Amino acid sequence: MNALELYKKWMENADPDTRAELAAIEGDENEIYDRFYRNLAFGTGGMRDLIGAGTNRINCYTVRKATLGFARYLKKMFGEEAATRGVVISHDNRRMSRAFCMEAAGVLAAEGIRAFIFDALRPTPELSFAVRYQKAVGGIMITASHNPPEYNGYKVYDEHGCQLIPRLSDILIDMISEIEDPLTVKSLTPAEAGELIVTLPRELDEVYYQAVMGIRLRPDVNAGDLTVVYSPQHGTGNVPVREVLGRCGYNVIPVLEQCEPDENFSGTKNPNPETRDAYDLCLAYAKKSAADIAITTDPDCDRLGVAVKVGGEYTLLTGNQSGAILLEYIFSTRREAGTLPTDAVMCNTIVTSTLGDRICEKYGVRVEKTLTGFKFIGDKIHTYETEKNATYVFGYEESYGCLIADFARDKDGVQASLMLCEAAAYYKAQGKTLLDVLADLYAEHGFYLDAQTNVVHKGAAGVAKIAALLEDLRKEPPRAIGDMTVTAVEDYLSETMRRAGFPASNVLRYLLSDGSFVAVRPSGTEPKCKYYYCVVGATEAEAAEKHAALRAVFER
């Protein structure tokens, strides 16, 4: 069917609320086309899109379709075990999140698979933890992470609490694609499902909190001497982060206007820790209380942002910078205590700053690179665990997400909050701020300017535009930019990179003669082309000049 035919079919067969929404766009050919020109893409990172009616939107029908595909996938992989071990489902604070959670549970129940749900919103890392704790066959997280309020999303997890890697998600995607009509997918109500939908006990929260508190390296640090302002951005971190930090003795001042799980995010300009807008209220609170640091987690609490007091002002750290500081603190502390394993390995992605690599070299820690997406790091952890060929000690991405202890297999903003506060308290006792630690790292390894540009291209035309941008760079790569020459081009669609162990991915990475790199890739969850810059210079000014030159060439 074409877009107009699908529109008419939904107008005839969908529920009354959906039909009313579609009736409001009657005659708007562009809007109808955009909502129905394709099926909402289920990629390697799941689904994430605007909430609304249509095959190219996230709604109860597209959630049902994805869940039916997941149920069939689990039966294929686990047979009868799928029904008895079940699936854990969690959700964030977004519009329709609870409804989508119940729709997913109802579809699983209709397929005879037990669904374990929480009584309310919970963070992504606790979902990952719960899958492992329950010994479930998989998990589902309803979240659009840091996206604007009009978005929602759907992520799936394997039995190890890790998002599906491509060789598995490809099977799932094929099974979802085989479902032709989402309007016909059956979902049971809780009354109809009976014991097939189970609410998890709150005791599980306590088990997770204890696991997080167990990551402390210096439990006797003077936590009470550190004042921390914290915002959960209306999301799932409010309870677990405040609970864990409070129990560990930190003086936590919550940003009250951003603590309630508001689906409209009315108390924040932007819930994304990568943007300065996310910190406006945080910094106002911090200045009023003279807090040492201000931290914020994104709505599903898998990422952490931090601002550090310098004099009377606050400086925001990037994910690369906070990751480097955590590496230095964890490795130096563990070496001092004699607990840094001889077979230690740190994982990060091909778009993460190489400053972390230099820190690992200093401490004798091996570095493994993965594609973008924490699922690849989670998969590495499982390999180390089963093959016993290395000991995982840290993993992080430039996008403000890290994992310290592997009882979860996704980024964990609760763990990150606790460890960063511990590091800040420890260094404060030495007369240092986290920025002083970063300055020491730059003095030792050189200045690293890490930046990212997101260029948005919406709709069907945007998809084609992004593809053309990548193809242009692939066919005619830059050879020299000022004094920097391109020494190698890594094309992750090439056979060379597949032989190196990387799954095929539409990513280009340019290695430069001075140790810098530029990477370009389309976003897996948003209509964006992403440019990543890791620029090495003797000084900040030199790095900034190089960065400007690189942008002029790569974003032409």
Protein backbone atom coordinates (compact mmCIF):
# COMPACT_ATOMS: atom_id res chain seq x y z
CA MET A 1 0.00 0.00 0.00
CA ASN A 2 1.09 3.56 -0.59
CA ALA A 3 0.95 6.21 2.14
CA LEU A 4 -2.58 7.40 1.33
CA GLU A 5 -3.95 3.86 1.23
CA LEU A 6 -2.39 3.09 4.62
CA TYR A 7 -3.80 6.33 5.99
CA LYS A 8 -7.31 5.30 4.91
CA LYS A 9 -6.87 1.82 6.37
CA TRP A 10 -5.86 3.26 9.75
CA MET A 11 -8.78 5.68 9.58
CA GLU A 12 -11.11 2.71 9.23
CA ASN A 13 -9.53 0.24 11.68
CA ALA A 14 -7.59 2.04 14.40
CA ASP A 15 -8.95 2.96 17.85
CA PRO A 16 -11.07 6.12 18.23
CA ASP A 17 -8.25 8.31 19.62
CA THR A 18 -5.94 7.38 16.74
CA ARG A 19 -8.67 8.00 14.18
CA ALA A 20 -9.36 11.42 15.69
CA GLU A 21 -5.66 12.33 15.44
CA LEU A 22 -5.55 11.20 11.81
CA ALA A 23 -8.76 13.03 10.96
CA ALA A 24 -7.05 16.27 11.97
CA ILE A 25 -4.50 15.89 9.14
CA GLU A 26 -7.00 14.93 6.43
CA GLY A 27 -6.00 16.56 3.15
CA ASP A 28 -2.46 17.37 4.31
CA GLU A 29 -0.57 15.28 1.76
CA ASN A 30 2.90 16.03 3.13
CA GLU A 31 1.98 15.11 6.70
CA ILE A 32 0.18 11.95 5.62
CA TYR A 33 3.16 10.93 3.50
CA ASP A 34 5.63 11.53 6.33
CA ARG A 35 3.56 9.44 8.75
CA PHE A 36 2.95 6.53 6.36
CA TYR A 37 5.68 6.48 3.68
CA ARG A 38 7.56 3.75 5.53
CA ASN A 39 7.43 1.51 8.58
CA LEU A 40 9.15 3.03 11.61
CA ALA A 41 12.72 1.80 11.36
CA PHE A 42 13.78 -0.71 14.00
CA GLY A 43 17.54 -0.34 13.92
CA THR A 44 20.39 -1.76 15.96
CA GLY A 45 19.47 0.73 18.70
CA GLY A 46 15.75 -0.08 18.63
CA MET A 47 13.13 2.54 17.75
CA ARG A 48 13.05 6.23 18.58
CA ASP A 49 10.76 8.77 16.93
CA LEU A 50 7.93 11.24 17.32
CA ILE A 51 4.88 10.03 19.23
CA GLY A 52 1.87 9.92 16.96
CA ALA A 53 -0.40 7.94 14.67
CA GLY A 54 1.04 6.26 11.60
CA THR A 55 3.39 3.50 10.54
CA ASN A 56 6.34 5.93 10.74
CA ARG A 57 5.61 7.09 14.29
CA ILE A 58 5.90 5.46 17.69
CA ASN A 59 2.46 4.52 19.02
CA CYS A 60 0.66 1.57 20.59
CA TYR A 61 0.50 -0.25 17.26
CA THR A 62 4.18 0.09 16.35
CA VAL A 63 5.08 -0.91 19.93
CA ARG A 64 2.82 -3.97 19.64
CA LYS A 65 4.40 -4.91 16.32
CA ALA A 66 7.94 -4.62 17.69
CA THR A 67 7.03 -6.64 20.77
CA LEU A 68 5.39 -9.42 18.76
CA GLY A 69 8.57 -9.63 16.70
CA PHE A 70 10.63 -9.77 19.92
CA ALA A 71 8.37 -12.50 21.33
CA ARG A 72 8.85 -14.61 18.19
CA TYR A 73 12.59 -13.95 18.32
CA LEU A 74 12.76 -15.12 21.96
CA LYS A 75 10.80 -18.28 21.17
CA LYS A 76 13.20 -19.01 18.31
CA MET A 77 16.23 -18.50 20.52
CA PHE A 78 15.02 -20.03 23.79
CA GLY A 79 12.08 -22.27 22.96
CA GLU A 80 9.88 -23.05 25.98
CA GLU A 81 12.36 -21.27 28.30
CA ALA A 82 11.17 -17.94 26.95
CA ALA A 83 7.75 -18.38 28.55
CA THR A 84 9.03 -19.38 32.00
CA ARG A 85 12.01 -17.04 32.32
CA GLY A 86 10.13 -14.06 30.90
CA VAL A 87 11.05 -10.49 29.97
CA VAL A 88 11.66 -7.47 32.23
CA ILE A 89 10.13 -4.16 31.09
CA SER A 90 10.86 -0.67 32.40
CA HIS A 91 10.06 2.87 31.28
CA ASP A 92 10.96 6.50 31.85
CA ASN A 93 8.78 9.57 32.53
CA ARG A 94 7.82 10.38 28.95
CA ARG A 95 4.38 10.77 27.48
CA MET A 96 2.88 7.34 26.77
CA SER A 97 5.81 5.53 28.41
CA ARG A 98 3.66 3.69 30.96
CA ALA A 99 1.06 2.91 28.30
CA PHE A 100 3.71 1.52 25.94
CA CYS A 101 5.14 -0.53 28.81
CA MET A 102 1.73 -2.11 29.41
CA GLU A 103 1.16 -2.66 25.68
CA ALA A 104 4.47 -4.54 25.46
CA ALA A 105 3.59 -6.60 28.53
CA GLY A 106 0.18 -7.37 27.03
CA VAL A 107 1.66 -8.60 23.74
CA LEU A 108 4.16 -10.83 25.55
CA ALA A 109 1.34 -12.23 27.67
CA ALA A 110 -0.73 -12.90 24.55
CA GLU A 111 2.23 -14.95 23.31
CA GLY A 112 2.42 -16.86 26.60
CA ILE A 113 5.59 -15.11 27.80
CA ARG A 114 5.71 -13.75 31.34
CA ALA A 115 6.34 -10.01 31.62
CA PHE A 116 7.99 -8.53 34.72
CA ILE A 117 7.18 -4.85 35.16
CA PHE A 118 8.06 -2.24 37.78
CA ASP A 119 5.39 -0.40 39.71
CA ALA A 120 6.59 2.91 38.22
CA LEU A 121 9.44 4.38 36.20
CA ARG A 122 12.96 3.00 36.69
CA PRO A 123 16.30 3.87 35.04
CA THR A 124 17.82 2.02 32.12
CA PRO A 125 20.75 0.64 34.17
CA GLU A 126 18.35 -0.88 36.71
CA LEU A 127 16.46 -2.53 33.85
CA SER A 128 19.75 -4.05 32.66
CA PHE A 129 20.52 -5.16 36.21
CA ALA A 130 17.02 -6.61 36.70
CA VAL A 131 17.24 -8.74 33.54
CA ARG A 132 20.36 -10.38 34.97
CA TYR A 133 18.98 -10.61 38.51
CA GLN A 134 15.72 -12.22 37.36
CA LYS A 135 17.57 -14.50 34.91
CA ALA A 136 15.08 -13.34 32.28
CA VAL A 137 15.55 -14.06 28.57
CA GLY A 138 15.43 -10.37 27.69
CA GLY A 139 14.38 -6.87 28.52
CA ILE A 140 12.53 -3.89 27.06
CA MET A 141 13.15 -0.25 27.97
CA ILE A 142 10.64 2.40 26.92
CA THR A 143 12.60 5.63 26.61
CA ALA A 144 13.76 8.27 24.16
CA SER A 145 16.73 9.09 26.37
CA HIS A 146 17.58 12.81 26.08
CA ASN A 147 15.30 13.64 23.14
CA PRO A 148 12.67 16.44 23.29
CA PRO A 149 9.27 15.73 24.94
CA GLU A 150 7.50 14.86 21.67
CA TYR A 151 9.68 11.74 21.26
CA ASN A 152 9.61 8.26 22.75
CA GLY A 153 11.51 5.07 22.05
CA TYR A 154 11.86 1.32 22.53
CA LYS A 155 15.07 -0.63 23.24
CA VAL A 156 15.50 -4.40 23.63
CA TYR A 157 17.99 -6.34 25.76
CA ASP A 158 19.38 -9.84 25.69
CA GLU A 159 19.54 -12.27 28.62
CA HIS A 160 22.81 -10.68 29.78
CA GLY A 161 21.23 -7.24 30.19
CA CYS A 162 22.97 -5.94 27.06
CA GLN A 163 21.25 -4.32 24.08
CA LEU A 164 21.17 -6.66 21.10
CA ILE A 165 24.30 -6.59 18.95
CA PRO A 166 23.81 -6.50 15.14
CA ARG A 167 24.04 -10.24 14.43
CA LEU A 168 21.11 -10.71 16.83
CA SER A 169 19.19 -7.52 16.11
CA ASP A 170 19.30 -8.39 12.39
CA ILE A 171 17.33 -11.56 13.14
CA LEU A 172 14.87 -9.58 15.24
CA ILE A 173 14.46 -6.90 12.58
CA ASP A 174 13.63 -9.57 9.99
CA MET A 175 10.99 -11.04 12.31
CA ILE A 176 9.45 -7.63 12.94
CA SER A 177 9.42 -6.95 9.20
CA GLU A 178 7.43 -10.14 8.59
CA ILE A 179 4.49 -8.66 10.56
CA GLU A 180 2.54 -6.90 7.86
CA ASP A 181 -0.30 -5.25 9.79
CA PRO A 182 0.35 -3.76 13.24
CA LEU A 183 -3.38 -3.08 13.63
CA THR A 184 -4.01 -6.82 14.06
CA VAL A 185 -1.44 -7.53 16.80
CA LYS A 186 -3.13 -8.72 20.00
CA SER A 187 -2.32 -7.25 23.42
CA LEU A 188 -3.93 -8.53 26.63
CA THR A 189 -5.08 -6.27 29.43
CA PRO A 190 -3.63 -7.00 32.90
CA ALA A 191 -6.96 -8.56 33.88
CA GLU A 192 -6.84 -10.86 30.85
CA ALA A 193 -3.15 -11.68 31.35
CA GLY A 194 -3.47 -12.70 34.99
CA GLU A 195 -0.21 -14.16 36.32
CA LEU A 196 1.56 -13.57 33.02
CA ILE A 197 2.13 -9.92 34.03
CA VAL A 198 4.06 -9.71 37.30
CA THR A 199 4.95 -6.55 39.23
CA LEU A 200 8.49 -6.77 40.58
CA PRO A 201 8.94 -6.29 44.33
CA ARG A 202 10.56 -3.09 45.56
CA GLU A 203 13.21 -5.22 47.26
CA LEU A 204 14.90 -5.39 43.86
CA ASP A 205 15.64 -1.65 44.14
CA GLU A 206 17.53 -2.33 47.36
CA VAL A 207 19.62 -5.07 45.75
CA TYR A 208 20.55 -2.64 42.97
CA TYR A 209 21.40 0.15 45.45
CA GLN A 210 23.68 -2.19 47.40
CA ALA A 211 25.44 -3.22 44.19
CA VAL A 212 26.02 0.44 43.26
CA MET A 213 27.35 1.33 46.73
CA GLY A 214 29.72 -1.63 46.42
CA ILE A 215 31.74 0.13 43.69
CA ARG A 216 33.26 2.61 46.16
CA LEU A 217 37.05 2.58 46.22
CA ARG A 218 37.44 4.87 49.23
CA PRO A 219 34.38 4.35 51.46
CA ASP A 220 36.06 6.45 54.16
CA VAL A 221 36.40 9.55 51.95
CA ASN A 222 35.04 12.70 53.61
CA ALA A 223 31.78 12.69 51.66
CA GLY A 224 30.11 15.20 53.96
CA ASP A 225 32.65 17.84 52.95
CA LEU A 226 31.40 17.78 49.33
CA THR A 227 28.31 19.75 48.38
CA VAL A 228 26.58 18.42 45.26
CA VAL A 229 23.66 19.94 43.36
CA TYR A 230 21.75 17.28 41.44
CA SER A 231 19.04 17.33 38.75
CA PRO A 232 17.37 14.23 37.31
CA GLN A 233 15.85 16.31 34.46
CA HIS A 234 12.36 15.11 35.50
CA GLY A 235 13.50 11.55 34.87
CA THR A 236 14.26 8.19 36.42
CA GLY A 237 17.42 9.17 38.32
CA ASN A 238 15.62 11.18 41.01
CA VAL A 239 15.13 8.33 43.49
CA PRO A 240 18.18 6.08 42.92
CA VAL A 241 20.84 8.80 42.61
CA ARG A 242 19.61 10.76 45.63
CA GLU A 243 19.17 7.54 47.63
CA VAL A 244 22.68 6.23 46.91
CA LEU A 245 24.48 9.56 47.36
CA GLY A 246 22.51 10.29 50.54
CA ARG A 247 23.34 6.91 52.08
CA CYS A 248 27.02 7.41 51.27
CA GLY A 249 27.04 10.70 53.18
CA TYR A 250 27.17 13.30 50.41
CA ASN A 251 25.50 16.66 50.93
CA VAL A 252 23.05 16.57 48.02
CA ILE A 253 20.90 19.56 47.08
CA PRO A 254 18.19 18.51 44.59
CA VAL A 255 16.92 20.86 41.90
CA LEU A 256 13.32 20.60 43.09
CA GLU A 257 11.75 22.03 39.93
CA GLN A 258 13.25 19.13 37.94
CA CYS A 259 12.62 16.24 40.33
CA GLU A 260 9.01 15.35 39.51
CA PRO A 261 8.58 12.87 36.61
CA ASP A 262 7.00 15.47 34.32
CA GLU A 263 6.24 14.14 30.81
CA ASN A 264 6.42 17.68 29.41
CA PHE A 265 9.84 18.48 30.96
CA SER A 266 8.34 21.80 31.99
CA GLY A 267 11.12 22.67 34.44
CA THR A 268 14.04 22.33 32.03
CA LYS A 269 14.94 23.90 28.70
CA ASN A 270 16.59 20.69 27.50
CA PRO A 271 16.99 17.31 29.28
CA ASN A 272 20.22 16.47 27.40
CA PRO A 273 23.40 16.70 29.56
CA GLU A 274 25.38 17.44 26.39
CA THR A 275 23.71 20.87 26.08
CA ARG A 276 24.33 23.90 28.25
CA ASP A 277 20.58 24.58 28.48
CA ALA A 278 20.23 21.50 30.68
CA TYR A 279 22.29 23.16 33.43
CA ASP A 280 20.54 26.52 33.83
CA LEU A 281 18.66 25.72 37.05
CA CYS A 282 21.42 23.41 38.26
CA LEU A 283 23.96 26.21 38.11
CA ALA A 284 21.61 28.70 39.74
CA TYR A 285 21.25 26.28 42.67
CA ALA A 286 25.00 25.65 42.70
CA LYS A 287 25.90 29.34 42.86
CA LYS A 288 23.39 29.96 45.63
CA SER A 289 24.79 27.12 47.74
CA ALA A 290 28.44 27.44 46.64
CA ALA A 291 28.33 23.76 45.69
CA ASP A 292 31.56 22.05 44.70
CA ILE A 293 29.98 20.33 41.70
CA ALA A 294 26.63 20.23 39.94
CA ILE A 295 25.57 16.99 38.25
CA THR A 296 22.66 15.98 36.07
CA THR A 297 21.48 12.69 34.60
CA ASP A 298 19.38 12.35 31.46
CA PRO A 299 15.75 11.13 31.73
CA ASP A 300 16.57 7.39 31.63
CA CYS A 301 19.63 7.95 33.85
CA ASP A 302 22.23 6.21 31.76
CA ARG A 303 24.32 9.36 31.23
CA LEU A 304 25.88 11.92 33.55
CA GLY A 305 26.89 15.54 33.06
CA VAL A 306 28.94 17.58 35.53
CA ALA A 307 29.91 21.19 36.17
CA VAL A 308 32.83 22.10 38.45
CA LYS A 309 33.21 25.23 40.57
CA VAL A 310 36.20 27.44 39.78
CA GLY A 311 36.16 30.55 41.90
CA GLY A 312 32.54 31.71 41.78
CA GLU A 313 31.76 30.24 38.36
CA TYR A 314 31.16 26.74 37.00
CA THR A 315 32.80 24.97 34.08
CA LEU A 316 31.01 22.15 32.27
CA LEU A 317 32.95 18.98 31.50
CA THR A 318 32.41 16.98 28.34
CA GLY A 319 31.84 13.24 28.44
CA ASN A 320 35.39 12.72 27.21
CA GLN A 321 36.76 14.89 30.02
CA SER A 322 34.74 13.34 32.85
CA GLY A 323 35.62 9.89 31.47
CA ALA A 324 39.33 10.72 31.51
CA ILE A 325 39.12 12.02 35.09
CA LEU A 326 37.34 8.84 36.21
CA LEU A 327 39.98 6.71 34.49
CA GLU A 328 42.77 8.56 36.29
CA TYR A 329 41.02 8.34 39.67
CA ILE A 330 40.02 4.67 39.40
CA PHE A 331 43.33 3.42 38.02
CA SER A 332 45.54 5.44 40.37
CA THR A 333 43.45 4.36 43.36
CA ARG A 334 43.40 0.71 42.37
CA ARG A 335 47.14 0.68 41.63
CA GLU A 336 47.79 2.19 45.04
CA ALA A 337 45.60 -0.48 46.64
CA GLY A 338 47.12 -3.27 44.55
CA THR A 339 43.74 -4.18 43.01
CA LEU A 340 44.36 -3.20 39.39
CA PRO A 341 44.43 -6.53 37.52
CA THR A 342 47.38 -7.42 35.32
CA ASP A 343 44.94 -8.38 32.55
CA ALA A 344 42.84 -5.20 32.92
CA VAL A 345 41.03 -3.92 29.84
CA MET A 346 39.22 -0.63 29.24
CA CYS A 347 36.64 -0.34 26.45
CA ASN A 348 35.61 2.75 24.56
CA THR A 349 34.36 3.58 21.09
CA ILE A 350 35.99 4.69 17.86
CA VAL A 351 34.57 8.21 18.34
CA THR A 352 35.76 8.60 21.95
CA SER A 353 38.78 10.81 22.70
CA THR A 354 42.16 9.09 22.65
CA LEU A 355 43.18 10.92 25.85
CA GLY A 356 41.72 7.93 27.70
CA ASP A 357 43.99 5.65 25.68
CA ARG A 358 47.04 7.58 26.86
CA ILE A 359 45.94 7.23 30.50
CA CYS A 360 45.52 3.49 30.01
CA GLU A 361 49.04 3.25 28.56
CA LYS A 362 50.41 4.88 31.71
CA TYR A 363 48.73 2.30 33.95
CA GLY A 364 49.34 -0.73 31.72
CA VAL A 365 45.67 -1.19 30.92
CA ARG A 366 44.77 -2.61 27.51
CA VAL A 367 42.31 -0.61 25.36
CA GLU A 368 39.66 -2.18 23.15
CA LYS A 369 37.75 -0.08 20.62
CA THR A 370 34.16 -0.73 19.56
CA LEU A 371 31.63 0.87 17.26
CA THR A 372 29.38 3.57 18.71
CA GLY A 373 26.74 2.09 21.01
CA PHE A 374 27.27 0.72 24.49
CA LYS A 375 25.89 -2.66 23.39
CA PHE A 376 29.27 -3.35 21.81
CA ILE A 377 31.02 -2.69 25.13
CA GLY A 378 28.44 -4.85 26.92
CA ASP A 379 29.14 -7.65 24.46
CA LYS A 380 32.88 -7.34 25.11
CA ILE A 381 32.23 -7.70 28.85
CA HIS A 382 30.32 -10.93 28.22
CA THR A 383 33.22 -12.24 26.13
CA TYR A 384 35.74 -11.50 28.90
CA GLU A 385 33.44 -13.16 31.40
CA THR A 386 32.96 -16.37 29.41
CA GLU A 387 36.42 -16.72 27.89
CA LYS A 388 38.22 -15.44 31.01
CA ASN A 389 40.82 -13.73 28.81
CA ALA A 390 40.68 -10.25 30.39
CA THR A 391 39.23 -8.33 33.34
CA TYR A 392 36.95 -5.43 32.54
CA VAL A 393 37.77 -2.34 34.62
CA PHE A 394 35.94 0.51 32.86
CA GLY A 395 34.00 1.41 29.74
CA TYR A 396 32.79 4.76 28.41
CA GLU A 397 31.55 6.73 25.43
CA GLU A 398 32.05 10.38 24.56
CA SER A 399 28.29 10.86 24.88
CA TYR A 400 28.50 11.15 28.69
CA GLY A 401 27.89 7.46 29.46
CA CYS A 402 30.09 5.03 31.37
CA LEU A 403 29.96 1.76 33.31
CA ILE A 404 32.23 1.10 36.27
CA ALA A 405 31.13 -2.31 37.59
CA ASP A 406 29.63 -4.86 35.22
CA PHE A 407 26.59 -5.98 37.24
CA ALA A 408 24.73 -3.88 34.66
CA ARG A 409 25.59 -4.13 30.98
CA ASP A 410 24.59 -0.66 29.83
CA LYS A 411 25.68 2.84 30.74
CA ASP A 412 24.90 3.55 34.39
CA GLY A 413 24.31 7.13 35.51
CA VAL A 414 23.79 6.03 39.13
CA GLN A 415 27.21 4.38 39.30
CA ALA A 416 28.79 7.32 37.49
CA SER A 417 27.24 9.83 39.91
CA LEU A 418 28.62 8.00 42.94
CA MET A 419 32.13 7.49 41.53
CA LEU A 420 32.43 11.06 40.28
CA CYS A 421 31.37 12.40 43.67
CA GLU A 422 33.91 10.13 45.37
CA ALA A 423 36.65 11.40 43.06
CA ALA A 424 35.64 15.02 43.69
CA ALA A 425 35.64 14.48 47.47
CA TYR A 426 39.02 12.75 47.39
CA TYR A 427 40.68 15.43 45.27
CA LYS A 428 39.09 18.20 47.36
CA ALA A 429 40.87 16.76 50.38
CA GLN A 430 44.11 17.08 48.35
CA GLY A 431 43.30 20.73 47.61
CA LYS A 432 42.29 20.02 44.00
CA THR A 433 39.16 20.32 41.88
CA LEU A 434 38.26 17.93 39.06
CA LEU A 435 39.44 20.65 36.65
CA ASP A 436 42.85 20.63 38.31
CA VAL A 437 43.03 16.87 37.66
CA LEU A 438 42.12 17.46 34.02
CA ALA A 439 44.79 20.17 33.71
CA ASP A 440 47.36 17.74 35.08
CA LEU A 441 46.33 15.20 32.45
CA TYR A 442 46.72 17.79 29.68
CA ALA A 443 50.15 18.77 31.00
CA GLU A 444 51.18 15.11 30.90
CA HIS A 445 49.60 14.00 27.61
CA GLY A 446 48.98 17.17 25.55
CA PHE A 447 45.82 19.26 25.13
CA TYR A 448 42.82 17.41 23.72
CA LEU A 449 39.93 19.35 22.20
CA ASP A 450 37.01 16.99 21.68
CA ALA A 451 33.95 18.33 19.91
CA GLN A 452 30.90 17.11 18.06
CA THR A 453 28.64 18.71 15.45
CA ASN A 454 25.13 17.41 14.77
CA VAL A 455 23.62 18.46 11.45
CA VAL A 456 19.87 17.73 11.33
CA HIS A 457 18.22 16.55 8.08
CA LYS A 458 14.57 15.65 8.71
CA GLY A 459 12.13 13.47 6.80
CA ALA A 460 12.58 11.32 3.70
CA ALA A 461 14.68 14.00 2.01
CA GLY A 462 16.91 14.14 5.08
CA VAL A 463 17.63 10.40 4.95
CA ALA A 464 18.75 10.76 1.33
CA LYS A 465 20.81 13.86 2.16
CA ILE A 466 22.73 12.10 4.96
CA ALA A 467 23.43 9.11 2.69
CA ALA A 468 24.77 11.46 0.01
CA LEU A 469 27.03 13.26 2.51
CA LEU A 470 28.63 10.00 3.60
CA GLU A 471 29.01 8.76 0.03
CA ASP A 472 30.69 12.01 -1.00
CA LEU A 473 33.24 11.73 1.82
CA ARG A 474 33.76 8.06 0.99
CA LYS A 475 34.48 8.69 -2.69
CA GLU A 476 36.53 11.86 -2.28
CA PRO A 477 38.15 11.88 1.17
CA PRO A 478 40.16 14.93 2.22
CA ARG A 479 43.91 14.37 1.93
CA ALA A 480 45.35 17.32 3.87
CA ILE A 481 44.06 20.06 6.13
CA GLY A 482 46.67 22.73 6.78
CA ASP A 483 49.75 21.04 8.25
CA MET A 484 47.73 17.89 9.02
CA THR A 485 47.69 15.06 6.52
CA VAL A 486 45.21 12.19 6.48
CA THR A 487 47.37 9.14 7.20
CA ALA A 488 44.55 6.56 7.07
CA VAL A 489 40.85 6.30 6.32
CA GLU A 490 38.88 3.68 8.24
CA ASP A 491 35.69 2.78 6.37
CA TYR A 492 33.58 0.58 8.63
CA LEU A 493 31.60 -0.73 5.68
CA SER A 494 34.78 -2.15 4.18
CA GLU A 495 35.97 -5.74 4.23
CA THR A 496 39.18 -4.54 5.92
CA MET A 497 37.32 -3.35 9.02
CA ARG A 498 35.13 -6.47 9.08
CA ARG A 499 38.28 -8.60 9.14
CA ALA A 500 39.46 -6.45 12.06
CA GLY A 501 36.38 -7.62 13.98
CA PHE A 502 34.00 -4.70 13.49
CA PRO A 503 30.43 -5.28 12.28
CA ALA A 504 29.59 -3.42 9.07
CA SER A 505 28.54 0.15 9.90
CA ASN A 506 28.20 3.34 7.90
CA VAL A 507 31.01 5.18 9.67
CA LEU A 508 34.10 6.90 8.29
CA ARG A 509 37.11 7.72 10.48
CA TYR A 510 40.05 9.82 9.31
CA LEU A 511 43.35 9.49 11.21
CA LEU A 512 45.62 12.54 11.02
CA SER A 513 49.38 12.90 11.17
CA ASP A 514 49.37 14.83 14.47
CA GLY A 515 47.38 12.18 16.39
CA SER A 516 43.99 13.83 15.84
CA PHE A 517 41.02 12.12 14.19
CA VAL A 518 37.68 12.98 12.61
CA ALA A 519 34.76 10.54 12.44
CA VAL A 520 31.49 10.92 10.53
CA ARG A 521 28.37 8.79 10.86
CA PRO A 522 24.58 9.03 10.63
CA SER A 523 22.77 8.81 13.95
CA GLY A 524 21.12 5.46 14.57
CA THR A 525 18.17 7.01 16.41
CA GLU A 526 17.75 10.59 15.14
CA PRO A 527 17.69 12.40 11.74
CA LYS A 528 21.25 13.68 12.14
CA CYS A 529 24.66 13.43 10.54
CA LYS A 530 27.25 13.42 13.34
CA TYR A 531 30.80 14.75 13.07
CA TYR A 532 33.26 13.86 15.85
CA TYR A 533 36.56 15.70 16.32
CA CYS A 534 39.44 14.67 18.56
CA VAL A 535 42.05 17.38 18.07
CA VAL A 536 45.48 17.23 19.71
CA GLY A 537 47.50 20.41 20.19
CA ALA A 538 50.33 21.75 22.26
CA THR A 539 47.96 24.42 23.60
CA GLU A 540 44.23 25.04 23.71
CA ALA A 541 44.58 27.84 21.15
CA GLU A 542 46.43 25.59 18.71
CA ALA A 543 43.83 22.84 19.08
CA ALA A 544 41.00 25.35 18.52
CA GLU A 545 42.65 26.60 15.32
CA LYS A 546 43.01 23.03 14.03
CA HIS A 547 39.40 22.25 14.93
CA ALA A 548 38.12 25.21 12.91
CA ALA A 549 40.17 24.09 9.90
CA LEU A 550 38.84 20.53 10.15
CA ARG A 551 35.23 21.68 10.38
CA ALA A 552 35.62 23.85 7.31
CA VAL A 553 36.68 20.82 5.29
CA PHE A 554 34.51 18.03 6.68
CA GLU A 555 31.26 19.99 7.05
CA ARG A 556 31.50 21.71 3.69
